[in-house]
Protein backbone atom coordinates (compact mmCIF):
# COMPACT_ATOMS: atom_id res chain seq x y z
CA MET A 1 4.37 2.27 -27.16
CA SER A 2 2.45 -0.67 -28.60
CA PRO A 3 2.13 -4.02 -26.82
CA PRO A 4 5.14 -6.21 -27.52
CA THR A 5 5.07 -9.45 -29.41
CA VAL A 6 5.31 -12.10 -26.70
CA ARG A 7 6.88 -15.38 -27.64
CA ARG A 8 4.38 -17.98 -26.58
CA THR A 9 2.56 -20.79 -28.29
CA VAL A 10 -1.00 -19.79 -29.09
CA HIS A 11 -3.28 -22.83 -29.08
CA PRO A 12 -5.40 -23.21 -32.24
CA ILE A 13 -8.58 -22.93 -30.16
CA GLU A 14 -7.44 -19.57 -28.80
CA ALA A 15 -6.51 -18.36 -32.29
CA GLU A 16 -9.93 -19.42 -33.60
CA SER A 17 -11.63 -17.69 -30.66
CA TYR A 18 -9.89 -14.44 -31.54
CA ARG A 19 -10.81 -14.84 -35.21
CA ILE A 20 -14.49 -15.22 -34.31
CA LEU A 21 -14.33 -12.32 -31.87
CA ARG A 22 -12.85 -10.02 -34.51
CA ALA A 23 -15.42 -11.14 -37.06
CA ARG A 24 -18.20 -10.10 -34.70
CA VAL A 25 -16.86 -6.79 -33.45
CA ASP A 26 -14.36 -4.30 -34.85
CA THR A 27 -11.73 -3.47 -32.25
CA THR A 28 -9.20 -1.99 -34.66
CA GLY A 29 -10.08 1.57 -33.64
CA LEU A 30 -9.05 1.01 -30.03
CA PRO A 31 -5.59 2.11 -28.80
CA PRO A 32 -3.17 -0.84 -28.69
CA TRP A 33 -3.09 -1.64 -24.97
CA THR A 34 -6.83 -1.01 -24.63
CA ARG A 35 -7.46 -3.35 -27.53
CA ALA A 36 -5.28 -6.02 -25.94
CA VAL A 37 -7.23 -5.79 -22.67
CA VAL A 38 -10.68 -5.61 -24.26
CA GLU A 39 -10.04 -8.53 -26.58
CA ARG A 40 -8.60 -10.77 -23.88
CA VAL A 41 -11.49 -10.01 -21.52
CA VAL A 42 -14.01 -10.78 -24.28
CA HIS A 43 -12.09 -13.93 -25.20
CA SER A 44 -12.10 -15.11 -21.57
CA SER A 45 -15.81 -14.42 -21.04
CA ALA A 46 -17.38 -14.84 -24.51
CA ASP A 47 -19.23 -11.64 -23.65
CA LEU A 48 -19.13 -8.93 -26.31
CA ASP A 49 -20.80 -6.45 -23.94
CA TYR A 50 -17.38 -5.82 -22.41
CA VAL A 51 -16.33 -3.93 -25.55
CA ASP A 52 -18.51 -1.04 -24.42
CA ASP A 53 -18.64 -1.83 -20.70
CA LEU A 54 -14.93 -1.68 -19.88
CA VAL A 55 -13.39 1.64 -18.91
CA CYS A 56 -9.69 1.80 -19.81
CA ARG A 57 -7.22 4.65 -20.06
CA GLU A 58 -4.40 3.91 -22.47
CA PRO A 59 -1.65 5.78 -20.55
CA ASP A 60 -2.56 3.85 -17.37
CA LEU A 61 -2.30 0.55 -19.22
CA GLN A 62 0.99 1.44 -20.85
CA ARG A 63 2.58 2.43 -17.54
CA ALA A 64 1.27 -0.68 -15.82
CA ALA A 65 2.64 -2.90 -18.58
CA THR A 66 6.05 -1.35 -18.00
CA VAL A 67 5.78 -1.97 -14.25
CA LEU A 68 4.86 -5.60 -14.88
CA ALA A 69 7.66 -6.04 -17.42
CA THR A 70 10.17 -4.88 -14.82
CA GLY A 71 8.90 -7.26 -12.13
CA GLY A 72 6.43 -5.09 -10.27
CA PRO A 73 4.35 -7.01 -7.71
CA VAL A 74 0.76 -8.12 -8.32
CA VAL A 75 -1.70 -8.37 -5.42
CA THR A 76 -5.06 -10.11 -5.83
CA ASP A 77 -8.17 -10.16 -3.68
CA ALA A 78 -8.93 -13.84 -4.28
CA GLU A 79 -7.06 -17.04 -4.99
CA MET A 80 -9.22 -17.61 -8.08
CA VAL A 81 -7.86 -14.38 -9.54
CA ALA A 82 -4.30 -15.39 -8.69
CA ALA A 83 -4.79 -18.80 -10.32
CA GLY A 84 -5.77 -17.17 -13.59
CA ILE A 85 -2.66 -15.00 -13.87
CA THR A 86 -0.45 -17.45 -15.65
CA ARG A 87 2.97 -15.87 -16.03
CA ARG A 88 3.54 -14.02 -12.81
CA GLU A 89 3.85 -14.82 -9.14
CA THR A 90 1.11 -13.02 -7.26
CA TYR A 91 0.31 -12.18 -3.65
CA CYS A 92 -3.01 -13.03 -2.04
CA PHE A 93 -3.44 -12.73 1.72
CA VAL A 94 -7.09 -13.66 2.10
CA ARG A 95 -6.12 -16.89 3.92
CA ASP A 96 -3.50 -15.20 6.07
CA PRO A 97 -4.29 -15.58 9.80
CA ARG A 98 -3.77 -11.84 10.25
CA ALA A 99 -6.54 -11.12 7.75
CA ARG A 100 -8.86 -13.60 9.43
CA GLU A 101 -8.22 -12.10 12.86
CA ALA A 102 -8.59 -8.52 11.66
CA ALA A 103 -11.82 -9.34 9.85
CA ALA A 104 -13.29 -10.93 12.96
CA ALA A 105 -12.19 -8.06 15.18
CA GLY A 106 -13.35 -5.34 12.82
CA GLY A 107 -16.53 -6.90 11.53
CA THR A 108 -15.41 -6.74 7.94
CA THR A 109 -14.66 -9.29 5.23
CA ARG A 110 -11.40 -11.20 5.03
CA SER A 111 -10.90 -9.77 1.53
CA ALA A 112 -11.00 -6.25 2.92
CA ALA A 113 -8.76 -7.09 5.87
CA ALA A 114 -6.30 -8.79 3.53
CA VAL A 115 -5.72 -5.51 1.69
CA ARG A 116 -4.10 -3.98 4.77
CA VAL A 117 -1.99 -7.11 5.31
CA ALA A 118 -0.92 -7.06 1.68
CA LEU A 119 0.10 -3.42 1.81
CA ALA A 120 2.24 -4.08 4.88
CA GLU A 121 3.96 -6.97 3.11
CA VAL A 122 4.29 -5.67 -0.46
CA GLY A 123 4.49 -1.92 -0.01
CA PRO A 124 3.49 0.81 -2.44
CA GLY A 125 3.48 0.71 -6.22
CA ALA A 126 1.91 -2.71 -6.83
CA VAL A 127 -0.65 -3.68 -9.44
CA TRP A 128 -3.80 -4.49 -7.44
CA VAL A 129 -6.37 -6.86 -8.93
CA VAL A 130 -9.88 -7.10 -7.50
CA GLY A 131 -12.15 -9.55 -9.25
CA ASN A 132 -14.34 -10.77 -6.45
CA ALA A 133 -14.98 -8.54 -3.44
CA PRO A 134 -16.24 -4.95 -3.59
CA THR A 135 -15.18 -4.65 0.04
CA ALA A 136 -11.57 -5.23 -0.99
CA LEU A 137 -11.84 -2.46 -3.56
CA TYR A 138 -13.26 -0.05 -0.98
CA ALA A 139 -10.47 -0.99 1.45
CA LEU A 140 -7.85 -0.28 -1.19
CA LEU A 141 -9.41 3.08 -1.96
CA ASP A 142 -9.23 3.95 1.74
CA LEU A 143 -5.51 3.10 1.72
CA ALA A 144 -4.71 4.56 -1.69
CA ALA A 145 -2.49 7.34 -0.36
CA ASP A 146 -0.16 4.73 1.15
CA ALA A 147 -0.59 2.05 -1.53
CA ARG A 148 0.07 4.37 -4.48
CA PRO A 149 -0.98 1.62 -6.91
CA SER A 150 0.57 1.42 -10.35
CA LEU A 151 -2.80 0.15 -11.55
CA VAL A 152 -6.03 -1.02 -9.96
CA VAL A 153 -7.88 -3.67 -11.92
CA GLY A 154 -11.27 -3.15 -10.32
CA LEU A 155 -13.67 -5.75 -11.70
CA PRO A 156 -15.60 -7.16 -8.73
CA VAL A 157 -18.81 -8.95 -9.64
CA GLY A 158 -22.21 -8.97 -8.00
CA PHE A 159 -25.42 -7.22 -7.11
CA VAL A 160 -24.24 -5.77 -3.77
CA GLY A 161 -21.67 -3.02 -3.91
CA ALA A 162 -19.98 -3.96 -7.17
CA VAL A 163 -21.28 -1.11 -9.33
CA GLU A 164 -20.83 1.42 -6.55
CA SER A 165 -17.27 0.36 -5.73
CA LYS A 166 -16.27 0.54 -9.39
CA GLN A 167 -17.78 3.99 -9.72
CA ALA A 168 -15.84 5.07 -6.63
CA LEU A 169 -12.66 3.75 -8.23
CA ARG A 170 -13.26 5.76 -11.40
CA GLU A 171 -13.99 8.87 -9.37
CA SER A 172 -10.82 8.41 -7.31
CA GLY A 173 -8.58 9.28 -10.26
CA LEU A 174 -6.34 6.28 -9.58
CA PRO A 175 -4.88 4.51 -12.61
CA SER A 176 -7.41 1.81 -13.29
CA VAL A 177 -9.30 -0.63 -15.43
CA THR A 178 -12.91 -1.11 -14.46
CA ASN A 179 -16.38 -1.51 -15.91
CA ARG A 180 -19.76 0.09 -15.44
CA SER A 181 -22.04 -2.89 -14.93
CA GLU A 182 -22.52 -5.57 -12.29
CA LYS A 183 -20.46 -7.95 -14.41
CA GLY A 184 -16.89 -8.84 -13.56
CA GLY A 185 -15.25 -11.69 -11.72
CA SER A 186 -12.03 -13.57 -11.30
CA ALA A 187 -11.66 -14.68 -14.91
CA VAL A 188 -11.96 -11.22 -16.43
CA ALA A 189 -9.77 -9.62 -13.77
CA ALA A 190 -7.04 -12.18 -14.44
CA ALA A 191 -7.50 -11.74 -18.19
CA THR A 192 -6.81 -8.02 -17.84
CA VAL A 193 -3.46 -8.67 -16.20
CA ASN A 194 -2.62 -11.38 -18.72
CA ALA A 195 -3.28 -8.91 -21.53
CA LEU A 196 -0.73 -6.55 -20.00
CA LEU A 197 1.76 -9.41 -19.67
CA TYR A 198 1.21 -10.92 -23.13
CA GLY A 199 0.34 -7.90 -25.23
CA SER A 200 -1.91 -8.29 -28.23
CA ASN A 201 -2.88 -11.74 -29.44
CA ALA A 202 -1.56 -12.68 -32.89
């Protein structure tokens, strides 16, 4: 199933950005959902390296798009990620007092502690989006048997733990979108979800 045509007004600047992107790199050989994700990530970052850096599996993307289209929940590790997902209510528990208390008691990060809070609130089957904290991605992997994610967008950024956590995600066999390098971040994580919500750009 190809990405649907989403009725939304595409700003001329966005249309021109996609025209330039496609003039610089040929994405026509990518499967449809993979192309939608890759192009939107490149558009959001102006970084053509993502064409080869992203690791996507088309069946995972197709199933996740169906989950999103039917109202499946989206959980993020950071409010910056949530702010970038423009057409869907999301859940982020990093400021929840329970996450703060658990982080202090367990000597971990609030992002990691918030994963357990989120799972208790949202339940299994969500789309999980990690664009900031490798510790959140590791925490989700530890809870994967209970979380049973529909998709894990694992794109944390940084020099400490980011590459290793993304490799662990790929090795887990969970449905996922990730990348191989230290790059990542809130904008590209949100862009991945937006691609699954919007489909391909005109």
